[in-house]
Amino acid sequence: MAGNTFISKDLSKRGRLTLKGIILLFIILASFSFQETLAEGTTETY
């Protein structure tokens, strides 16, 4: 039983890490796309 709880704890830790990684990836992608749209807008106006 102790082994099972240890595995579940390890999985939850990994799950949190992957969730943080996914959120971080989304933020990075969003910032990149935002910069691209911003650059396009400036090139269109000038």
PDB file of N, CA and C in Angstrom:
ATOM      1  N   MET A   1       0.841  -1.209   0.000  1.00  0.00           N
ATOM      2  CA  MET A   1       0.000   0.000   0.000  1.00  0.00           C
ATOM      3  C   MET A   1       0.869   1.250   0.000  1.00  0.00           C
ATOM      4  N   ALA A   2       1.956   1.184   0.761  1.00  0.00           N
ATOM      5  CA  ALA A   2       2.842   2.352   0.827  1.00  0.00           C
ATOM      6  C   ALA A   2       3.441   2.650  -0.548  1.00  0.00           C
ATOM      7  N   GLY A   3       3.761   1.572  -1.281  1.00  0.00           N
ATOM      8  CA  GLY A   3       4.332   1.743  -2.613  1.00  0.00           C
ATOM      9  C   GLY A   3       3.342   2.411  -3.561  1.00  0.00           C
ATOM     10  N   ASN A   4       2.074   2.017  -3.464  1.00  0.00           N
ATOM     11  CA  ASN A   4       1.042   2.586  -4.333  1.00  0.00           C
ATOM     12  C   ASN A   4       0.868   4.078  -4.073  1.00  0.00           C
ATOM     13  N   THR A   5       0.832   4.469  -2.800  1.00  0.00           N
ATOM     14  CA  THR A   5       0.655   5.886  -2.471  1.00  0.00           C
ATOM     15  C   THR A   5       1.854   6.681  -2.977  1.00  0.00           C
ATOM     16  N   PHE A   6       3.062   6.100  -2.879  1.00  0.00           N
ATOM     17  CA  PHE A   6       4.265   6.782  -3.353  1.00  0.00           C
ATOM     18  C   PHE A   6       4.170   7.027  -4.862  1.00  0.00           C
ATOM     19  N   ILE A   7       3.704   6.019  -5.593  1.00  0.00           N
ATOM     20  CA  ILE A   7       3.581   6.139  -7.056  1.00  0.00           C
ATOM     21  C   ILE A   7       2.554   7.222  -7.404  1.00  0.00           C
ATOM     22  N   SER A   8       1.426   7.208  -6.709  1.00  0.00           N
ATOM     23  CA  SER A   8       0.382   8.198  -6.988  1.00  0.00           C
ATOM     24  C   SER A   8       0.891   9.602  -6.692  1.00  0.00           C
ATOM     25  N   LYS A   9       1.663   9.737  -5.617  1.00  0.00           N
ATOM     26  CA  LYS A   9       2.232  11.064  -5.287  1.00  0.00           C
ATOM     27  C   LYS A   9       3.187  11.504  -6.381  1.00  0.00           C
ATOM     28  N   ASP A  10       4.014  10.570  -6.865  1.00  0.00           N
ATOM     29  CA  ASP A  10       4.976  10.877  -7.917  1.00  0.00           C
ATOM     30  C   ASP A  10       4.233  11.313  -9.187  1.00  0.00           C
ATOM     31  N   LEU A  11       3.151  10.606  -9.507  1.00  0.00           N
ATOM     32  CA  LEU A  11       2.366  10.931 -10.703  1.00  0.00           C
ATOM     33  C   LEU A  11       1.747  12.316 -10.583  1.00  0.00           C
ATOM     34  N   SER A  12       1.230  12.635  -9.394  1.00  0.00           N
ATOM     35  CA  SER A  12       0.612  13.951  -9.201  1.00  0.00           C
ATOM     36  C   SER A  12       1.667  15.046  -9.348  1.00  0.00           C
ATOM     37  N   LYS A  13       2.874  14.784  -8.847  1.00  0.00           N
ATOM     38  CA  LYS A  13       3.957  15.765  -8.997  1.00  0.00           C
ATOM     39  C   LYS A  13       4.272  15.966 -10.466  1.00  0.00           C
ATOM     40  N   ARG A  14       4.375  14.852 -11.208  1.00  0.00           N
ATOM     41  CA  ARG A  14       4.675  14.939 -12.634  1.00  0.00           C
ATOM     42  C   ARG A  14       3.545  15.649 -13.367  1.00  0.00           C
ATOM     43  N   GLY A  15       2.308  15.348 -12.971  1.00  0.00           N
ATOM     44  CA  GLY A  15       1.153  15.979 -13.594  1.00  0.00           C
ATOM     45  C   GLY A  15       1.194  17.481 -13.430  1.00  0.00           C
ATOM     46  N   ARG A  16       1.538  17.925 -12.219  1.00  0.00           N
ATOM     47  CA  ARG A  16       1.627  19.373 -11.974  1.00  0.00           C
ATOM     48  C   ARG A  16       2.713  19.987 -12.832  1.00  0.00           C
ATOM     49  N   LEU A  17       3.848  19.285 -12.939  1.00  0.00           N
ATOM     50  CA  LEU A  17       4.961  19.800 -13.741  1.00  0.00           C
ATOM     51  C   LEU A  17       4.561  19.922 -15.207  1.00  0.00           C
ATOM     52  N   THR A  18       3.905  18.880 -15.732  1.00  0.00           N
ATOM     53  CA  THR A  18       3.492  18.918 -17.134  1.00  0.00           C
ATOM     54  C   THR A  18       2.453  20.010 -17.349  1.00  0.00           C
ATOM     55  N   LEU A  19       1.561  20.180 -16.382  1.00  0.00           N
ATOM     56  CA  LEU A  19       0.533  21.223 -16.486  1.00  0.00           C
ATOM     57  C   LEU A  19       1.194  22.597 -16.529  1.00  0.00           C
ATOM     58  N   LYS A  20       2.193  22.805 -15.663  1.00  0.00           N
ATOM     59  CA  LYS A  20       2.925  24.080 -15.659  1.00  0.00           C
ATOM     60  C   LYS A  20       3.633  24.274 -16.996  1.00  0.00           C
ATOM     61  N   GLY A  21       4.215  23.191 -17.512  1.00  0.00           N
ATOM     62  CA  GLY A  21       4.922  23.258 -18.784  1.00  0.00           C
ATOM     63  C   GLY A  21       3.993  23.631 -19.929  1.00  0.00           C
ATOM     64  N   ILE A  22       2.800  23.021 -19.923  1.00  0.00           N
ATOM     65  CA  ILE A  22       1.814  23.308 -20.974  1.00  0.00           C
ATOM     66  C   ILE A  22       1.371  24.765 -20.901  1.00  0.00           C
ATOM     67  N   ILE A  23       1.111  25.255 -19.681  1.00  0.00           N
ATOM     68  CA  ILE A  23       0.680  26.645 -19.493  1.00  0.00           C
ATOM     69  C   ILE A  23       1.785  27.580 -19.972  1.00  0.00           C
ATOM     70  N   LEU A  24       3.029  27.256 -19.602  1.00  0.00           N
ATOM     71  CA  LEU A  24       4.178  28.076 -20.003  1.00  0.00           C
ATOM     72  C   LEU A  24       4.297  28.094 -21.524  1.00  0.00           C
ATOM     73  N   LEU A  25       4.113  26.923 -22.147  1.00  0.00           N
ATOM     74  CA  LEU A  25       4.188  26.819 -23.602  1.00  0.00           C
ATOM     75  C   LEU A  25       3.108  27.669 -24.266  1.00  0.00           C
ATOM     76  N   PHE A  26       1.886  27.618 -23.689  1.00  0.00           N
ATOM     77  CA  PHE A  26       0.775  28.419 -24.226  1.00  0.00           C
ATOM     78  C   PHE A  26       1.094  29.905 -24.144  1.00  0.00           C
ATOM     79  N   ILE A  27       1.664  30.336 -22.998  1.00  0.00           N
ATOM     80  CA  ILE A  27       1.999  31.753 -22.804  1.00  0.00           C
ATOM     81  C   ILE A  27       3.044  32.181 -23.835  1.00  0.00           C
ATOM     82  N   ILE A  28       4.066  31.332 -24.042  1.00  0.00           N
ATOM     83  CA  ILE A  28       5.135  31.647 -24.996  1.00  0.00           C
ATOM     84  C   ILE A  28       4.564  31.747 -26.410  1.00  0.00           C
ATOM     85  N   LEU A  29       3.715  30.771 -26.771  1.00  0.00           N
ATOM     86  CA  LEU A  29       3.110  30.772 -28.112  1.00  0.00           C
ATOM     87  C   LEU A  29       2.228  32.002 -28.297  1.00  0.00           C
ATOM     88  N   ALA A  30       1.461  32.345 -27.266  1.00  0.00           N
ATOM     89  CA  ALA A  30       0.564  33.497 -27.344  1.00  0.00           C
ATOM     90  C   ALA A  30       1.371  34.784 -27.526  1.00  0.00           C
ATOM     91  N   SER A  31       2.471  34.905 -26.779  1.00  0.00           N
ATOM     92  CA  SER A  31       3.297  36.111 -26.877  1.00  0.00           C
ATOM     93  C   SER A  31       3.921  36.217 -28.271  1.00  0.00           C
ATOM     94  N   PHE A  32       4.356  35.075 -28.810  1.00  0.00           N
ATOM     95  CA  PHE A  32       4.954  35.076 -30.153  1.00  0.00           C
ATOM     96  C   PHE A  32       3.929  35.501 -31.196  1.00  0.00           C
ATOM     97  N   SER A  33       2.733  34.929 -31.137  1.00  0.00           N
ATOM     98  CA  SER A  33       1.684  35.257 -32.111  1.00  0.00           C
ATOM     99  C   SER A  33       1.276  36.726 -31.955  1.00  0.00           C
ATOM    100  N   PHE A  34       1.256  37.211 -30.709  1.00  0.00           N
ATOM    101  CA  PHE A  34       0.896  38.605 -30.460  1.00  0.00           C
ATOM    102  C   PHE A  34       1.935  39.535 -31.078  1.00  0.00           C
ATOM    103  N   GLN A  35       3.221  39.186 -30.923  1.00  0.00           N
ATOM    104  CA  GLN A  35       4.291  39.988 -31.510  1.00  0.00           C
ATOM    105  C   GLN A  35       4.185  39.985 -33.025  1.00  0.00           C
ATOM    106  N   GLU A  36       3.851  38.831 -33.606  1.00  0.00           N
ATOM    107  CA  GLU A  36       3.725  38.724 -35.069  1.00  0.00           C
ATOM    108  C   GLU A  36       2.592  39.605 -35.574  1.00  0.00           C
ATOM    109  N   THR A  37       1.447  39.563 -34.895  1.00  0.00           N
ATOM    110  CA  THR A  37       0.308  40.379 -35.310  1.00  0.00           C
ATOM    111  C   THR A  37       0.638  41.858 -35.134  1.00  0.00           C
ATOM    112  N   LEU A  38       1.370  42.180 -34.068  1.00  0.00           N
ATOM    113  CA  LEU A  38       1.766  43.560 -33.808  1.00  0.00           C
ATOM    114  C   LEU A  38       2.692  44.045 -34.934  1.00  0.00           C
ATOM    115  N   ALA A  39       3.646  43.197 -35.330  1.00  0.00           N
ATOM    116  CA  ALA A  39       4.576  43.544 -36.405  1.00  0.00           C
ATOM    117  C   ALA A  39       3.809  43.738 -37.714  1.00  0.00           C
ATOM    118  N   GLU A  40       2.849  42.863 -37.987  1.00  0.00           N
ATOM    119  CA  GLU A  40       2.041  42.975 -39.207  1.00  0.00           C
ATOM    120  C   GLU A  40       1.252  44.278 -39.214  1.00  0.00           C
ATOM    121  N   GLY A  41       0.705  44.639 -38.062  1.00  0.00           N
ATOM    122  CA  GLY A  41      -0.074  45.866 -37.957  1.00  0.00           C
ATOM    123  C   GLY A  41       0.785  47.084 -38.223  1.00  0.00           C
ATOM    124  N   THR A  42       2.016  47.106 -37.700  1.00  0.00           N
ATOM    125  CA  THR A  42       2.901  48.250 -37.898  1.00  0.00           C
ATOM    126  C   THR A  42       3.334  48.348 -39.361  1.00  0.00           C
ATOM    127  N   THR A  43       3.580  47.195 -39.999  1.00  0.00           N
ATOM    128  CA  THR A  43       4.005  47.224 -41.403  1.00  0.00           C
ATOM    129  C   THR A  43       2.852  47.683 -42.288  1.00  0.00           C
ATOM    130  N   GLU A  44       1.630  47.346 -41.913  1.00  0.00           N
ATOM    131  CA  GLU A  44       0.464  47.744 -42.712  1.00  0.00           C
ATOM    132  C   GLU A  44       0.203  49.243 -42.604  1.00  0.00           C
ATOM    133  N   THR A  45       0.388  49.799 -41.400  1.00  0.00           N
ATOM    134  CA  THR A  45       0.099  51.219 -41.210  1.00  0.00           C
ATOM    135  C   THR A  45       1.145  52.082 -41.902  1.00  0.00           C
ATOM    136  N   TYR A  46       2.424  51.648 -41.896  1.00  0.00           N
ATOM    137  CA  TYR A  46       3.480  52.472 -42.487  1.00  0.00           C
ATOM    138  C   TYR A  46       3.644  52.203 -43.970  1.00  0.00           C
TER     139      TYR A  46
END
